[in-house]
C-alpha cells in the first residue's frame, strides 16, 4: 500500500500501481508494471 508505505515506494521508484519488484538480496532483478493476466505473472516470476 503506497499510501501507507510511501517511503518504500519512493525508494524503489514506484510511480504506478500495480508494480511488482523482484529482489535478490535487496537488489532489483525484475520489475513488472500494470495489470497482468495470471499467465503473464507466472511467466514473469520464472
PDB file of N, CA and C in Angstrom:
ATOM      1  N   UNK A   1       0.847  -1.179   0.000  1.00  0.00           N
ATOM      2  CA  UNK A   1       0.000   0.000   0.000  1.00  0.00           C
ATOM      3  C   UNK A   1       0.893   1.243   0.000  1.00  0.00           C
ATOM      4  N   UNK A   2       0.983   1.909  -1.150  1.00  0.00           N
ATOM      5  CA  UNK A   2       1.894   3.055  -1.249  1.00  0.00           C
ATOM      6  C   UNK A   2       1.402   4.273  -0.467  1.00  0.00           C
ATOM      7  N   UNK A   3       0.127   4.295  -0.103  1.00  0.00           N
ATOM      8  CA  UNK A   3      -0.353   5.389   0.736  1.00  0.00           C
ATOM      9  C   UNK A   3       0.205   5.260   2.149  1.00  0.00           C
ATOM     10  N   UNK A   4       0.340   4.045   2.620  1.00  0.00           N
ATOM     11  CA  UNK A   4       0.870   3.797   3.966  1.00  0.00           C
ATOM     12  C   UNK A   4       2.394   3.736   3.946  1.00  0.00           C
ATOM     13  N   UNK A   5       2.957   3.136   2.902  1.00  0.00           N
ATOM     14  CA  UNK A   5       4.404   2.925   2.825  1.00  0.00           C
ATOM     15  C   UNK A   5       5.019   3.731   1.681  1.00  0.00           C
ATOM     16  N   UNK A   6       4.709   5.005   1.651  1.00  0.00           N
ATOM     17  CA  UNK A   6       5.216   5.878   0.595  1.00  0.00           C
ATOM     18  C   UNK A   6       6.728   5.944   0.542  1.00  0.00           C
ATOM     19  N   UNK A   7       7.373   5.782   1.693  1.00  0.00           N
ATOM     20  CA  UNK A   7       8.835   5.812   1.729  1.00  0.00           C
ATOM     21  C   UNK A   7       9.434   4.654   0.941  1.00  0.00           C
ATOM     22  N   UNK A   8       8.823   3.478   1.040  1.00  0.00           N
ATOM     23  CA  UNK A   8       9.311   2.312   0.297  1.00  0.00           C
ATOM     24  C   UNK A   8       9.049   2.499  -1.196  1.00  0.00           C
ATOM     25  N   UNK A   9       7.865   3.003  -1.532  1.00  0.00           N
ATOM     26  CA  UNK A   9       7.543   3.257  -2.940  1.00  0.00           C
ATOM     27  C   UNK A   9       8.543   4.237  -3.542  1.00  0.00           C
ATOM     28  N   UNK A  10       8.880   5.256  -2.798  1.00  0.00           N
ATOM     29  CA  UNK A  10       9.851   6.241  -3.285  1.00  0.00           C
ATOM     30  C   UNK A  10      11.239   5.617  -3.428  1.00  0.00           C
ATOM     31  N   UNK A  11      11.629   4.788  -2.468  1.00  0.00           N
ATOM     32  CA  UNK A  11      12.945   4.134  -2.508  1.00  0.00           C
ATOM     33  C   UNK A  11      13.122   3.299  -3.777  1.00  0.00           C
ATOM     34  N   UNK A  12      12.039   2.629  -4.205  1.00  0.00           N
ATOM     35  CA  UNK A  12      12.110   1.772  -5.384  1.00  0.00           C
ATOM     36  C   UNK A  12      11.598   2.454  -6.653  1.00  0.00           C
ATOM     37  N   UNK A  13      11.289   3.731  -6.570  1.00  0.00           N
ATOM     38  CA  UNK A  13      10.867   4.482  -7.749  1.00  0.00           C
ATOM     39  C   UNK A  13       9.532   4.033  -8.308  1.00  0.00           C
ATOM     40  N   UNK A  14       8.638   3.602  -7.430  1.00  0.00           N
ATOM     41  CA  UNK A  14       7.329   3.130  -7.874  1.00  0.00           C
ATOM     42  C   UNK A  14       6.410   4.329  -8.057  1.00  0.00           C
ATOM     43  N   UNK A  15       5.929   4.496  -9.290  1.00  0.00           N
ATOM     44  CA  UNK A  15       5.045   5.615  -9.618  1.00  0.00           C
ATOM     45  C   UNK A  15       3.687   5.142 -10.092  1.00  0.00           C
ATOM     46  N   UNK A  16       3.584   3.855 -10.419  1.00  0.00           N
ATOM     47  CA  UNK A  16       2.334   3.293 -10.928  1.00  0.00           C
ATOM     48  C   UNK A  16       1.932   2.095 -10.086  1.00  0.00           C
ATOM     49  N   UNK A  17       0.626   1.910  -9.982  1.00  0.00           N
ATOM     50  CA  UNK A  17       0.085   0.766  -9.256  1.00  0.00           C
ATOM     51  C   UNK A  17      -0.803   0.008 -10.215  1.00  0.00           C
ATOM     52  N   UNK A  18      -0.657  -1.305 -10.333  1.00  0.00           N
ATOM     53  CA  UNK A  18       0.270  -2.148  -9.567  1.00  0.00           C
ATOM     54  C   UNK A  18       1.674  -2.177 -10.170  1.00  0.00           C
ATOM     55  N   UNK A  19       2.642  -2.337  -9.299  1.00  0.00           N
ATOM     56  CA  UNK A  19       4.028  -2.566  -9.691  1.00  0.00           C
ATOM     57  C   UNK A  19       4.571  -3.691  -8.830  1.00  0.00           C
ATOM     58  N   UNK A  20       5.195  -4.667  -9.468  1.00  0.00           N
ATOM     59  CA  UNK A  20       5.860  -5.754  -8.757  1.00  0.00           C
ATOM     60  C   UNK A  20       7.355  -5.612  -8.966  1.00  0.00           C
ATOM     61  N   UNK A  21       8.094  -5.743  -7.887  1.00  0.00           N
ATOM     62  CA  UNK A  21       9.548  -5.678  -7.955  1.00  0.00           C
ATOM     63  C   UNK A  21      10.095  -6.956  -7.334  1.00  0.00           C
ATOM     64  N   UNK A  22      10.879  -7.700  -8.113  1.00  0.00           N
ATOM     65  CA  UNK A  22      11.508  -8.915  -7.595  1.00  0.00           C
ATOM     66  C   UNK A  22      12.914  -8.555  -7.140  1.00  0.00           C
ATOM     67  N   UNK A  23      13.227  -8.933  -5.903  1.00  0.00           N
ATOM     68  CA  UNK A  23      14.530  -8.626  -5.326  1.00  0.00           C
ATOM     69  C   UNK A  23      15.305  -9.903  -5.054  1.00  0.00           C
ATOM     70  N   UNK A  24      16.616  -9.807  -5.175  1.00  0.00           N
ATOM     71  CA  UNK A  24      17.522 -10.878  -4.777  1.00  0.00           C
ATOM     72  C   UNK A  24      18.570 -10.234  -3.892  1.00  0.00           C
ATOM     73  N   UNK A  25      18.503 -10.533  -2.601  1.00  0.00           N
ATOM     74  CA  UNK A  25      19.412  -9.930  -1.624  1.00  0.00           C
ATOM     75  C   UNK A  25      19.406  -8.407  -1.736  1.00  0.00           C
ATOM     76  N   UNK A  26      18.205  -7.840  -1.748  1.00  0.00           N
ATOM     77  CA  UNK A  26      17.979  -6.390  -1.803  1.00  0.00           C
ATOM     78  C   UNK A  26      18.418  -5.726  -3.107  1.00  0.00           C
ATOM     79  N   UNK A  27      18.652  -6.513  -4.146  1.00  0.00           N
ATOM     80  CA  UNK A  27      18.982  -5.973  -5.464  1.00  0.00           C
ATOM     81  C   UNK A  27      17.841  -6.294  -6.418  1.00  0.00           C
ATOM     82  N   UNK A  28      17.343  -5.275  -7.093  1.00  0.00           N
ATOM     83  CA  UNK A  28      16.245  -5.484  -8.035  1.00  0.00           C
ATOM     84  C   UNK A  28      16.716  -6.315  -9.222  1.00  0.00           C
ATOM     85  N   UNK A  29      15.955  -7.383  -9.506  1.00  0.00           N
ATOM     86  CA  UNK A  29      16.288  -8.226 -10.655  1.00  0.00           C
ATOM     87  C   UNK A  29      15.219  -8.170 -11.737  1.00  0.00           C
ATOM     88  N   UNK A  30      13.994  -7.833 -11.357  1.00  0.00           N
ATOM     89  CA  UNK A  30      12.900  -7.724 -12.326  1.00  0.00           C
ATOM     90  C   UNK A  30      11.885  -6.711 -11.831  1.00  0.00           C
ATOM     91  N   UNK A  31      11.174  -6.119 -12.796  1.00  0.00           N
ATOM     92  CA  UNK A  31      10.105  -5.172 -12.471  1.00  0.00           C
ATOM     93  C   UNK A  31       8.975  -5.381 -13.466  1.00  0.00           C
ATOM     94  N   UNK A  32       7.757  -5.337 -12.967  1.00  0.00           N
ATOM     95  CA  UNK A  32       6.574  -5.503 -13.810  1.00  0.00           C
ATOM     96  C   UNK A  32       5.576  -4.424 -13.419  1.00  0.00           C
ATOM     97  N   UNK A  33       5.126  -3.659 -14.399  1.00  0.00           N
ATOM     98  CA  UNK A  33       4.222  -2.541 -14.144  1.00  0.00           C
ATOM     99  C   UNK A  33       2.913  -2.776 -14.875  1.00  0.00           C
ATOM    100  N   UNK A  34       1.811  -2.554 -14.178  1.00  0.00           N
ATOM    101  CA  UNK A  34       0.495  -2.661 -14.789  1.00  0.00           C
ATOM    102  C   UNK A  34      -0.190  -3.978 -14.502  1.00  0.00           C
ATOM    103  N   UNK A  35      -1.474  -4.014 -14.811  1.00  0.00           N
ATOM    104  CA  UNK A  35      -2.269  -5.224 -14.617  1.00  0.00           C
ATOM    105  C   UNK A  35      -1.839  -6.291 -15.607  1.00  0.00           C
ATOM    106  N   UNK A  36      -1.754  -7.513 -15.126  1.00  0.00           N
ATOM    107  CA  UNK A  36      -1.332  -8.635 -15.961  1.00  0.00           C
ATOM    108  C   UNK A  36      -2.249  -9.828 -15.708  1.00  0.00           C
ATOM    109  N   UNK A  37      -2.270 -10.737 -16.664  1.00  0.00           N
ATOM    110  CA  UNK A  37      -3.030 -11.975 -16.504  1.00  0.00           C
ATOM    111  C   UNK A  37      -2.234 -12.935 -15.623  1.00  0.00           C
ATOM    112  N   UNK A  38      -2.901 -13.974 -15.171  1.00  0.00           N
ATOM    113  CA  UNK A  38      -2.228 -14.997 -14.372  1.00  0.00           C
ATOM    114  C   UNK A  38      -1.068 -15.596 -15.157  1.00  0.00           C
ATOM    115  N   UNK A  39      -1.294 -15.882 -16.428  1.00  0.00           N
ATOM    116  CA  UNK A  39      -0.230 -16.457 -17.257  1.00  0.00           C
ATOM    117  C   UNK A  39       0.970 -15.516 -17.369  1.00  0.00           C
ATOM    118  N   UNK A  40       0.715 -14.235 -17.538  1.00  0.00           N
ATOM    119  CA  UNK A  40       1.805 -13.264 -17.629  1.00  0.00           C
ATOM    120  C   UNK A  40       2.586 -13.196 -16.317  1.00  0.00           C
ATOM    121  N   UNK A  41       1.876 -13.241 -15.193  1.00  0.00           N
ATOM    122  CA  UNK A  41       2.542 -13.216 -13.890  1.00  0.00           C
ATOM    123  C   UNK A  41       3.393 -14.458 -13.681  1.00  0.00           C
ATOM    124  N   UNK A  42       2.860 -15.610 -14.059  1.00  0.00           N
ATOM    125  CA  UNK A  42       3.616 -16.852 -13.907  1.00  0.00           C
ATOM    126  C   UNK A  42       4.878 -16.830 -14.764  1.00  0.00           C
ATOM    127  N   UNK A  43       4.757 -16.362 -15.992  1.00  0.00           N
ATOM    128  CA  UNK A  43       5.915 -16.288 -16.884  1.00  0.00           C
ATOM    129  C   UNK A  43       6.956 -15.323 -16.334  1.00  0.00           C
ATOM    130  N   UNK A  44       6.513 -14.180 -15.832  1.00  0.00           N
ATOM    131  CA  UNK A  44       7.420 -13.176 -15.278  1.00  0.00           C
ATOM    132  C   UNK A  44       8.165 -13.715 -14.055  1.00  0.00           C
ATOM    133  N   UNK A  45       7.484 -14.490 -13.235  1.00  0.00           N
ATOM    134  CA  UNK A  45       8.063 -14.965 -11.979  1.00  0.00           C
ATOM    135  C   UNK A  45       9.079 -16.091 -12.163  1.00  0.00           C
ATOM    136  N   UNK A  46       9.157 -16.668 -13.342  1.00  0.00           N
ATOM    137  CA  UNK A  46      10.091 -17.791 -13.543  1.00  0.00           C
ATOM    138  C   UNK A  46      11.501 -17.327 -13.757  1.00  0.00           C
TER     139      UNK A  46
END
